[in-house]
Amino acid sequence: MTAKSAAKSFQFRLIPTLLTAAIVAVALGLGVWQLERLEWKNALLARLDSQMSAPAVPLPETVDGKAWEYRRVTLAGQFLYDREFHLGPRVHDGKVGYEMIVPFRRASGGIVLVNRGWISPDIKTVNRPEGIVQAEGFLRVPAKTMFAPANDAAKN
């Protein structure tokens, strides 16, 4: 192959060149986005770790959602087992079960939902402490979505 024939075999084509440039630009943009996402995720994990490792504090009557997310809290009151419900199905260690959600009437007034954890459907009895109890756990503030209606306690 001569130099003259090699020069003839390459032909500049606009469409493939523009397509390649667009693919490279998109790939670079996605790479930068992933690095920004990694930085955000590491900051989130550091914040959650600091929240979860802090000592437990009494749960205040009103809570600023993001500032209290995953905070270790304590509260005193009574479980309302007549309003208990099971959220599921949920899988834990390869077994199907439910999350046991129980309303908790605080000694100071007001009600919060307590996730007592995963239970198997074949468990016949579950420990249900009676009377005033001291509970400790992590606070999760429910996410507001367009599908969640406003809370109307009067209509339950």
N, C-alpha and C. Protein backbone atom coordinates (compact mmCIF):
# COMPACT_ATOMS: atom_id res chain seq x y z
N MET A 1 0.84 -1.16 0.00
CA MET A 1 0.00 0.00 0.00
C MET A 1 0.90 1.24 0.00
N THR A 2 0.64 2.14 -0.86
CA THR A 2 1.45 3.35 -0.98
C THR A 2 0.85 4.44 -0.11
N ALA A 3 1.64 5.50 0.08
CA ALA A 3 1.19 6.63 0.88
C ALA A 3 -0.01 7.29 0.26
N LYS A 4 -0.04 7.28 -1.07
CA LYS A 4 -1.15 7.92 -1.77
C LYS A 4 -2.44 7.13 -1.56
N SER A 5 -2.40 5.78 -1.59
CA SER A 5 -3.61 4.98 -1.41
C SER A 5 -4.06 4.98 0.04
N ALA A 6 -3.10 5.08 1.01
CA ALA A 6 -3.48 5.13 2.42
C ALA A 6 -4.21 6.44 2.71
N ALA A 7 -3.79 7.52 2.11
CA ALA A 7 -4.44 8.79 2.31
C ALA A 7 -5.84 8.77 1.73
N LYS A 8 -6.06 8.03 0.67
CA LYS A 8 -7.37 7.95 0.06
C LYS A 8 -8.32 7.08 0.89
N SER A 9 -7.80 6.11 1.68
CA SER A 9 -8.68 5.21 2.41
C SER A 9 -9.35 5.89 3.62
N PHE A 10 -8.71 6.92 4.18
CA PHE A 10 -9.34 7.64 5.27
C PHE A 10 -10.15 8.79 4.71
N GLN A 11 -11.42 8.80 5.10
CA GLN A 11 -12.26 9.91 4.68
C GLN A 11 -12.96 10.46 5.91
N PHE A 12 -12.86 11.75 6.10
CA PHE A 12 -13.52 12.41 7.21
C PHE A 12 -15.02 12.37 6.98
N ARG A 13 -15.74 11.88 8.00
CA ARG A 13 -17.20 11.85 7.90
C ARG A 13 -17.78 12.61 9.09
N LEU A 14 -18.64 13.53 8.81
CA LEU A 14 -19.18 14.42 9.83
C LEU A 14 -20.05 13.70 10.85
N ILE A 15 -20.99 12.89 10.40
CA ILE A 15 -21.95 12.24 11.30
C ILE A 15 -21.25 11.30 12.30
N PRO A 16 -20.39 10.37 11.87
CA PRO A 16 -19.70 9.52 12.85
C PRO A 16 -18.82 10.31 13.82
N THR A 17 -18.20 11.39 13.34
CA THR A 17 -17.35 12.20 14.21
C THR A 17 -18.19 12.92 15.27
N LEU A 18 -19.32 13.49 14.87
CA LEU A 18 -20.21 14.17 15.83
C LEU A 18 -20.80 13.17 16.83
N LEU A 19 -21.15 11.98 16.35
CA LEU A 19 -21.69 10.95 17.22
C LEU A 19 -20.65 10.51 18.25
N THR A 20 -19.42 10.32 17.83
CA THR A 20 -18.34 9.93 18.74
C THR A 20 -18.10 11.04 19.76
N ALA A 21 -18.09 12.29 19.33
CA ALA A 21 -17.88 13.42 20.25
C ALA A 21 -19.01 13.49 21.27
N ALA A 22 -20.25 13.24 20.85
CA ALA A 22 -21.39 13.26 21.77
C ALA A 22 -21.27 12.13 22.80
N ILE A 23 -20.88 10.93 22.37
CA ILE A 23 -20.72 9.80 23.28
C ILE A 23 -19.63 10.08 24.31
N VAL A 24 -18.51 10.66 23.86
CA VAL A 24 -17.42 10.99 24.78
C VAL A 24 -17.89 12.05 25.79
N ALA A 25 -18.63 13.06 25.35
CA ALA A 25 -19.13 14.11 26.26
C ALA A 25 -20.09 13.53 27.29
N VAL A 26 -20.99 12.65 26.85
CA VAL A 26 -21.93 12.02 27.78
C VAL A 26 -21.18 11.15 28.79
N ALA A 27 -20.22 10.36 28.34
CA ALA A 27 -19.44 9.49 29.22
C ALA A 27 -18.67 10.31 30.26
N LEU A 28 -18.07 11.42 29.84
CA LEU A 28 -17.36 12.28 30.79
C LEU A 28 -18.33 12.90 31.80
N GLY A 29 -19.49 13.34 31.33
CA GLY A 29 -20.50 13.91 32.23
C GLY A 29 -20.98 12.88 33.25
N LEU A 30 -21.20 11.64 32.82
CA LEU A 30 -21.62 10.59 33.75
C LEU A 30 -20.53 10.27 34.76
N GLY A 31 -19.28 10.30 34.33
CA GLY A 31 -18.18 10.06 35.26
C GLY A 31 -18.10 11.12 36.33
N VAL A 32 -18.25 12.40 35.94
CA VAL A 32 -18.23 13.50 36.91
C VAL A 32 -19.42 13.37 37.86
N TRP A 33 -20.59 13.01 37.34
CA TRP A 33 -21.78 12.84 38.16
C TRP A 33 -21.55 11.73 39.19
N GLN A 34 -20.93 10.63 38.80
CA GLN A 34 -20.65 9.54 39.73
C GLN A 34 -19.70 9.98 40.84
N LEU A 35 -18.70 10.79 40.50
CA LEU A 35 -17.78 11.29 41.53
C LEU A 35 -18.50 12.22 42.51
N GLU A 36 -19.38 13.07 42.01
CA GLU A 36 -20.17 13.95 42.87
C GLU A 36 -21.10 13.13 43.76
N ARG A 37 -21.69 12.11 43.19
CA ARG A 37 -22.59 11.22 43.95
C ARG A 37 -21.83 10.48 45.04
N LEU A 38 -20.60 10.04 44.74
CA LEU A 38 -19.76 9.37 45.74
C LEU A 38 -19.48 10.31 46.91
N GLU A 39 -19.15 11.56 46.61
CA GLU A 39 -18.88 12.54 47.65
C GLU A 39 -20.12 12.76 48.52
N TRP A 40 -21.30 12.87 47.89
CA TRP A 40 -22.56 13.05 48.61
C TRP A 40 -22.83 11.84 49.50
N LYS A 41 -22.64 10.64 48.95
CA LYS A 41 -22.93 9.41 49.70
C LYS A 41 -21.99 9.27 50.89
N ASN A 42 -20.71 9.57 50.72
CA ASN A 42 -19.77 9.50 51.84
C ASN A 42 -20.14 10.49 52.94
N ALA A 43 -20.57 11.69 52.56
CA ALA A 43 -21.00 12.69 53.55
C ALA A 43 -22.25 12.21 54.27
N LEU A 44 -23.18 11.60 53.54
CA LEU A 44 -24.40 11.07 54.15
C LEU A 44 -24.08 9.97 55.15
N LEU A 45 -23.21 9.05 54.77
CA LEU A 45 -22.83 7.95 55.66
C LEU A 45 -22.11 8.47 56.90
N ALA A 46 -21.26 9.48 56.75
CA ALA A 46 -20.57 10.07 57.90
C ALA A 46 -21.57 10.72 58.85
N ARG A 47 -22.57 11.42 58.30
CA ARG A 47 -23.59 12.07 59.14
C ARG A 47 -24.42 11.02 59.87
N LEU A 48 -24.83 9.96 59.17
CA LEU A 48 -25.62 8.91 59.81
C LEU A 48 -24.82 8.20 60.89
N ASP A 49 -23.54 7.95 60.63
CA ASP A 49 -22.70 7.29 61.63
C ASP A 49 -22.59 8.16 62.88
N SER A 50 -22.41 9.46 62.70
CA SER A 50 -22.31 10.34 63.87
C SER A 50 -23.64 10.42 64.61
N GLN A 51 -24.77 10.43 63.89
CA GLN A 51 -26.09 10.46 64.52
C GLN A 51 -26.32 9.19 65.33
N MET A 52 -25.97 8.03 64.75
CA MET A 52 -26.27 6.75 65.38
C MET A 52 -25.33 6.45 66.55
N SER A 53 -24.14 7.02 66.54
CA SER A 53 -23.20 6.74 67.62
C SER A 53 -23.34 7.73 68.78
N ALA A 54 -24.15 8.76 68.62
CA ALA A 54 -24.36 9.72 69.71
C ALA A 54 -25.19 9.06 70.81
N PRO A 55 -25.04 9.50 72.05
CA PRO A 55 -25.83 8.91 73.13
C PRO A 55 -27.32 9.22 72.95
N ALA A 56 -28.15 8.34 73.50
CA ALA A 56 -29.60 8.50 73.39
C ALA A 56 -30.06 9.74 74.15
N VAL A 57 -31.00 10.46 73.55
CA VAL A 57 -31.58 11.65 74.18
C VAL A 57 -33.09 11.51 74.17
N PRO A 58 -33.79 12.15 75.13
CA PRO A 58 -35.25 12.08 75.12
C PRO A 58 -35.82 12.69 73.84
N LEU A 59 -36.82 12.04 73.29
CA LEU A 59 -37.47 12.52 72.07
C LEU A 59 -38.29 13.76 72.38
N PRO A 60 -38.00 14.89 71.72
CA PRO A 60 -38.80 16.10 71.98
C PRO A 60 -40.20 15.97 71.39
N GLU A 61 -41.07 16.89 71.76
CA GLU A 61 -42.46 16.84 71.28
C GLU A 61 -42.55 17.10 69.78
N THR A 62 -41.74 18.03 69.27
CA THR A 62 -41.69 18.28 67.83
C THR A 62 -40.26 18.08 67.37
N VAL A 63 -40.14 17.59 66.15
CA VAL A 63 -38.82 17.20 65.63
C VAL A 63 -38.59 17.84 64.28
N ASP A 64 -37.39 18.42 64.10
CA ASP A 64 -36.96 18.89 62.79
C ASP A 64 -36.42 17.67 62.05
N GLY A 65 -37.11 17.24 61.00
CA GLY A 65 -36.84 15.98 60.32
C GLY A 65 -35.40 15.62 60.06
N LYS A 66 -34.70 16.36 59.24
CA LYS A 66 -33.36 15.98 58.82
C LYS A 66 -32.35 16.04 59.96
N ALA A 67 -32.51 16.99 60.86
CA ALA A 67 -31.56 17.12 61.97
C ALA A 67 -31.66 15.94 62.93
N TRP A 68 -32.82 15.29 62.99
CA TRP A 68 -33.03 14.20 63.94
C TRP A 68 -33.02 12.83 63.27
N GLU A 69 -32.89 12.76 61.99
CA GLU A 69 -32.90 11.47 61.28
C GLU A 69 -31.82 10.55 61.81
N TYR A 70 -32.20 9.35 62.20
CA TYR A 70 -31.31 8.31 62.74
C TYR A 70 -30.68 8.68 64.08
N ARG A 71 -31.26 9.62 64.81
CA ARG A 71 -30.78 9.92 66.16
C ARG A 71 -31.26 8.83 67.09
N ARG A 72 -30.43 8.49 68.05
CA ARG A 72 -30.82 7.52 69.09
C ARG A 72 -31.65 8.31 70.11
N VAL A 73 -32.88 7.85 70.34
CA VAL A 73 -33.80 8.55 71.23
C VAL A 73 -34.39 7.59 72.26
N THR A 74 -34.89 8.16 73.35
CA THR A 74 -35.61 7.41 74.36
C THR A 74 -36.97 8.06 74.54
N LEU A 75 -37.94 7.25 74.95
CA LEU A 75 -39.24 7.78 75.27
C LEU A 75 -39.94 6.82 76.21
N ALA A 76 -40.82 7.35 77.02
CA ALA A 76 -41.59 6.54 77.96
C ALA A 76 -43.05 6.60 77.56
N GLY A 77 -43.72 5.49 77.76
CA GLY A 77 -45.14 5.44 77.43
C GLY A 77 -45.64 4.02 77.37
N GLN A 78 -46.70 3.84 76.61
CA GLN A 78 -47.39 2.55 76.56
C GLN A 78 -47.69 2.17 75.12
N PHE A 79 -47.43 0.91 74.78
CA PHE A 79 -47.77 0.39 73.46
C PHE A 79 -49.27 0.20 73.34
N LEU A 80 -49.82 0.51 72.18
CA LEU A 80 -51.25 0.32 71.90
C LEU A 80 -51.40 -0.89 70.98
N TYR A 81 -51.38 -2.07 71.56
CA TYR A 81 -51.39 -3.30 70.78
C TYR A 81 -52.70 -3.52 70.03
N ASP A 82 -53.79 -2.89 70.49
CA ASP A 82 -55.07 -3.04 69.77
C ASP A 82 -55.02 -2.36 68.41
N ARG A 83 -54.02 -1.53 68.17
CA ARG A 83 -53.87 -0.85 66.88
C ARG A 83 -52.61 -1.30 66.13
N GLU A 84 -52.03 -2.39 66.58
CA GLU A 84 -50.82 -2.96 65.95
C GLU A 84 -51.15 -3.38 64.52
N PHE A 85 -50.19 -3.22 63.62
CA PHE A 85 -50.36 -3.74 62.26
C PHE A 85 -49.04 -4.29 61.77
N HIS A 86 -49.16 -5.16 60.77
CA HIS A 86 -47.98 -5.82 60.20
C HIS A 86 -47.79 -5.33 58.79
N LEU A 87 -46.58 -4.87 58.51
CA LEU A 87 -46.23 -4.33 57.20
C LEU A 87 -45.44 -5.39 56.46
N GLY A 88 -45.92 -5.77 55.32
CA GLY A 88 -45.18 -6.83 54.63
C GLY A 88 -45.75 -7.13 53.27
N PRO A 89 -45.26 -8.15 52.68
CA PRO A 89 -44.25 -9.06 53.18
C PRO A 89 -42.85 -8.44 53.12
N ARG A 90 -42.01 -8.84 54.08
CA ARG A 90 -40.62 -8.43 54.14
C ARG A 90 -39.76 -9.68 54.25
N VAL A 91 -38.60 -9.66 53.62
CA VAL A 91 -37.70 -10.82 53.64
C VAL A 91 -36.53 -10.52 54.57
N HIS A 92 -36.23 -11.48 55.46
CA HIS A 92 -35.11 -11.36 56.39
C HIS A 92 -34.42 -12.71 56.45
N ASP A 93 -33.13 -12.74 56.13
CA ASP A 93 -32.36 -13.99 56.10
C ASP A 93 -33.03 -15.06 55.24
N GLY A 94 -33.60 -14.63 54.12
CA GLY A 94 -34.20 -15.57 53.18
C GLY A 94 -35.58 -16.07 53.58
N LYS A 95 -36.13 -15.57 54.68
CA LYS A 95 -37.46 -15.98 55.12
C LYS A 95 -38.43 -14.81 54.98
N VAL A 96 -39.66 -15.12 54.60
CA VAL A 96 -40.68 -14.10 54.45
C VAL A 96 -41.34 -13.85 55.80
N GLY A 97 -41.58 -12.59 56.12
CA GLY A 97 -42.22 -12.23 57.37
C GLY A 97 -42.81 -10.84 57.27
N TYR A 98 -42.92 -10.17 58.41
CA TYR A 98 -43.56 -8.86 58.47
C TYR A 98 -42.80 -7.95 59.42
N GLU A 99 -42.92 -6.65 59.21
CA GLU A 99 -42.45 -5.67 60.17
C GLU A 99 -43.63 -5.39 61.11
N MET A 100 -43.39 -5.49 62.40
CA MET A 100 -44.43 -5.27 63.41
C MET A 100 -44.41 -3.79 63.80
N ILE A 101 -45.46 -3.06 63.43
CA ILE A 101 -45.57 -1.63 63.72
C ILE A 101 -46.63 -1.45 64.80
N VAL A 102 -46.25 -0.79 65.90
CA VAL A 102 -47.17 -0.61 67.02
C VAL A 102 -47.21 0.87 67.41
N PRO A 103 -48.40 1.48 67.47
CA PRO A 103 -48.49 2.84 67.99
C PRO A 103 -48.06 2.87 69.46
N PHE A 104 -47.40 3.96 69.84
CA PHE A 104 -46.86 4.10 71.19
C PHE A 104 -47.36 5.44 71.74
N ARG A 105 -48.18 5.37 72.80
CA ARG A 105 -48.67 6.61 73.43
C ARG A 105 -47.63 7.08 74.43
N ARG A 106 -47.08 8.24 74.16
CA ARG A 106 -46.04 8.79 75.04
C ARG A 106 -46.65 9.23 76.37
N ALA A 107 -45.87 9.11 77.44
CA ALA A 107 -46.32 9.55 78.76
C ALA A 107 -46.61 11.04 78.76
N SER A 108 -45.90 11.78 77.91
CA SER A 108 -46.09 13.24 77.82
C SER A 108 -47.22 13.61 76.88
N GLY A 109 -47.85 12.62 76.25
CA GLY A 109 -48.91 12.87 75.28
C GLY A 109 -48.39 12.67 73.87
N GLY A 110 -49.28 12.48 72.95
CA GLY A 110 -48.90 12.25 71.56
C GLY A 110 -48.62 10.78 71.30
N ILE A 111 -48.66 10.43 70.05
CA ILE A 111 -48.46 9.04 69.64
C ILE A 111 -47.40 9.00 68.55
N VAL A 112 -46.49 8.03 68.66
CA VAL A 112 -45.51 7.78 67.61
C VAL A 112 -45.63 6.31 67.21
N LEU A 113 -45.26 6.01 65.98
CA LEU A 113 -45.24 4.62 65.53
C LEU A 113 -43.88 4.02 65.82
N VAL A 114 -43.89 2.82 66.38
CA VAL A 114 -42.66 2.12 66.72
C VAL A 114 -42.58 0.84 65.88
N ASN A 115 -41.50 0.71 65.13
CA ASN A 115 -41.25 -0.52 64.38
C ASN A 115 -40.55 -1.47 65.35
N ARG A 116 -41.26 -2.50 65.79
CA ARG A 116 -40.69 -3.43 66.77
C ARG A 116 -39.86 -4.50 66.10
N GLY A 117 -39.77 -4.47 64.77
CA GLY A 117 -38.88 -5.38 64.08
C GLY A 117 -39.60 -6.42 63.25
N TRP A 118 -38.80 -7.30 62.66
CA TRP A 118 -39.29 -8.34 61.76
C TRP A 118 -39.80 -9.52 62.58
N ILE A 119 -40.94 -10.05 62.17
CA ILE A 119 -41.47 -11.27 62.79
C ILE A 119 -41.86 -12.25 61.71
N SER A 120 -41.70 -13.51 62.02
CA SER A 120 -42.06 -14.59 61.10
C SER A 120 -43.56 -14.88 61.26
N PRO A 121 -44.25 -15.25 60.17
CA PRO A 121 -45.68 -15.55 60.31
C PRO A 121 -45.95 -16.80 61.16
N ASP A 122 -44.96 -17.69 61.32
CA ASP A 122 -45.20 -18.88 62.13
C ASP A 122 -44.92 -18.67 63.62
N ILE A 123 -44.53 -17.46 64.02
CA ILE A 123 -44.36 -17.17 65.45
C ILE A 123 -45.74 -17.03 66.07
N LYS A 124 -46.01 -17.82 67.08
CA LYS A 124 -47.33 -17.80 67.72
C LYS A 124 -47.46 -16.72 68.78
N THR A 125 -46.39 -16.46 69.52
CA THR A 125 -46.45 -15.43 70.56
C THR A 125 -45.29 -14.45 70.38
N VAL A 126 -45.58 -13.20 70.61
CA VAL A 126 -44.59 -12.14 70.52
C VAL A 126 -44.56 -11.42 71.86
N ASN A 127 -43.38 -11.08 72.33
CA ASN A 127 -43.26 -10.34 73.58
C ASN A 127 -43.92 -8.99 73.42
N ARG A 128 -44.95 -8.74 74.24
CA ARG A 128 -45.68 -7.47 74.21
C ARG A 128 -45.68 -6.87 75.61
N PRO A 129 -44.67 -6.05 75.94
CA PRO A 129 -44.62 -5.48 77.29
C PRO A 129 -45.85 -4.63 77.57
N GLU A 130 -46.40 -4.79 78.76
CA GLU A 130 -47.60 -4.05 79.17
C GLU A 130 -47.22 -2.90 80.10
N GLY A 131 -48.12 -1.95 80.22
CA GLY A 131 -47.92 -0.83 81.13
C GLY A 131 -46.94 0.19 80.57
N ILE A 132 -46.47 1.05 81.43
CA ILE A 132 -45.53 2.10 81.04
C ILE A 132 -44.15 1.47 80.86
N VAL A 133 -43.57 1.69 79.70
CA VAL A 133 -42.25 1.14 79.40
C VAL A 133 -41.34 2.27 78.93
N GLN A 134 -40.06 2.05 79.07
CA GLN A 134 -39.04 2.97 78.55
C GLN A 134 -38.52 2.34 77.26
N ALA A 135 -38.63 3.04 76.15
CA ALA A 135 -38.19 2.52 74.86
C ALA A 135 -37.01 3.33 74.36
N GLU A 136 -36.11 2.66 73.65
CA GLU A 136 -34.97 3.33 73.03
C GLU A 136 -34.83 2.81 71.61
N GLY A 137 -34.55 3.71 70.70
CA GLY A 137 -34.38 3.30 69.31
C GLY A 137 -33.86 4.44 68.46
N PHE A 138 -33.92 4.23 67.15
CA PHE A 138 -33.48 5.26 66.20
C PHE A 138 -34.69 5.93 65.59
N LEU A 139 -34.63 7.23 65.49
CA LEU A 139 -35.75 7.99 64.93
C LEU A 139 -35.66 8.01 63.42
N ARG A 140 -36.76 7.70 62.77
CA ARG A 140 -36.89 7.83 61.31
C ARG A 140 -38.07 8.74 61.06
N VAL A 141 -37.86 9.77 60.30
CA VAL A 141 -38.93 10.69 59.95
C VAL A 141 -39.50 10.25 58.61
N PRO A 142 -40.82 10.04 58.52
CA PRO A 142 -41.39 9.57 57.26
C PRO A 142 -41.21 10.61 56.15
N ALA A 143 -40.94 10.10 54.95
CA ALA A 143 -40.77 10.98 53.79
C ALA A 143 -42.14 11.47 53.32
N LYS A 144 -42.21 12.73 53.01
CA LYS A 144 -43.45 13.30 52.47
C LYS A 144 -43.45 13.07 50.96
N THR A 145 -44.49 12.42 50.48
CA THR A 145 -44.63 12.19 49.04
C THR A 145 -45.99 12.68 48.59
N MET A 146 -46.15 12.77 47.29
CA MET A 146 -47.44 13.22 46.77
C MET A 146 -48.53 12.15 46.96
N PHE A 147 -48.12 10.93 47.28
CA PHE A 147 -49.08 9.85 47.46
C PHE A 147 -49.54 9.72 48.91
N ALA A 148 -48.86 10.38 49.85
CA ALA A 148 -49.22 10.30 51.26
C ALA A 148 -50.20 11.42 51.58
N PRO A 149 -51.39 11.07 52.04
CA PRO A 149 -52.35 12.11 52.38
C PRO A 149 -51.94 12.83 53.66
N ALA A 150 -52.50 14.01 53.86
CA ALA A 150 -52.25 14.77 55.09
C ALA A 150 -52.82 13.97 56.26
N ASN A 151 -52.15 14.08 57.42
CA ASN A 151 -52.61 13.38 58.61
C ASN A 151 -53.90 14.02 59.11
N ASP A 152 -54.92 13.19 59.34
CA ASP A 152 -56.19 13.66 59.88
C ASP A 152 -56.54 12.79 61.06
N ALA A 153 -56.07 13.17 62.25
CA ALA A 153 -56.27 12.35 63.45
C ALA A 153 -57.75 12.19 63.79
N ALA A 154 -58.58 13.19 63.48
CA ALA A 154 -60.00 13.11 63.80
C ALA A 154 -60.69 11.97 63.04
N LYS A 155 -60.22 11.69 61.83
CA LYS A 155 -60.80 10.63 61.02
C LYS A 155 -60.01 9.33 61.11
N ASN A 156 -59.01 9.29 62.01
CA ASN A 156 -58.15 8.12 62.23
C ASN A 156 -57.38 7.79 60.97
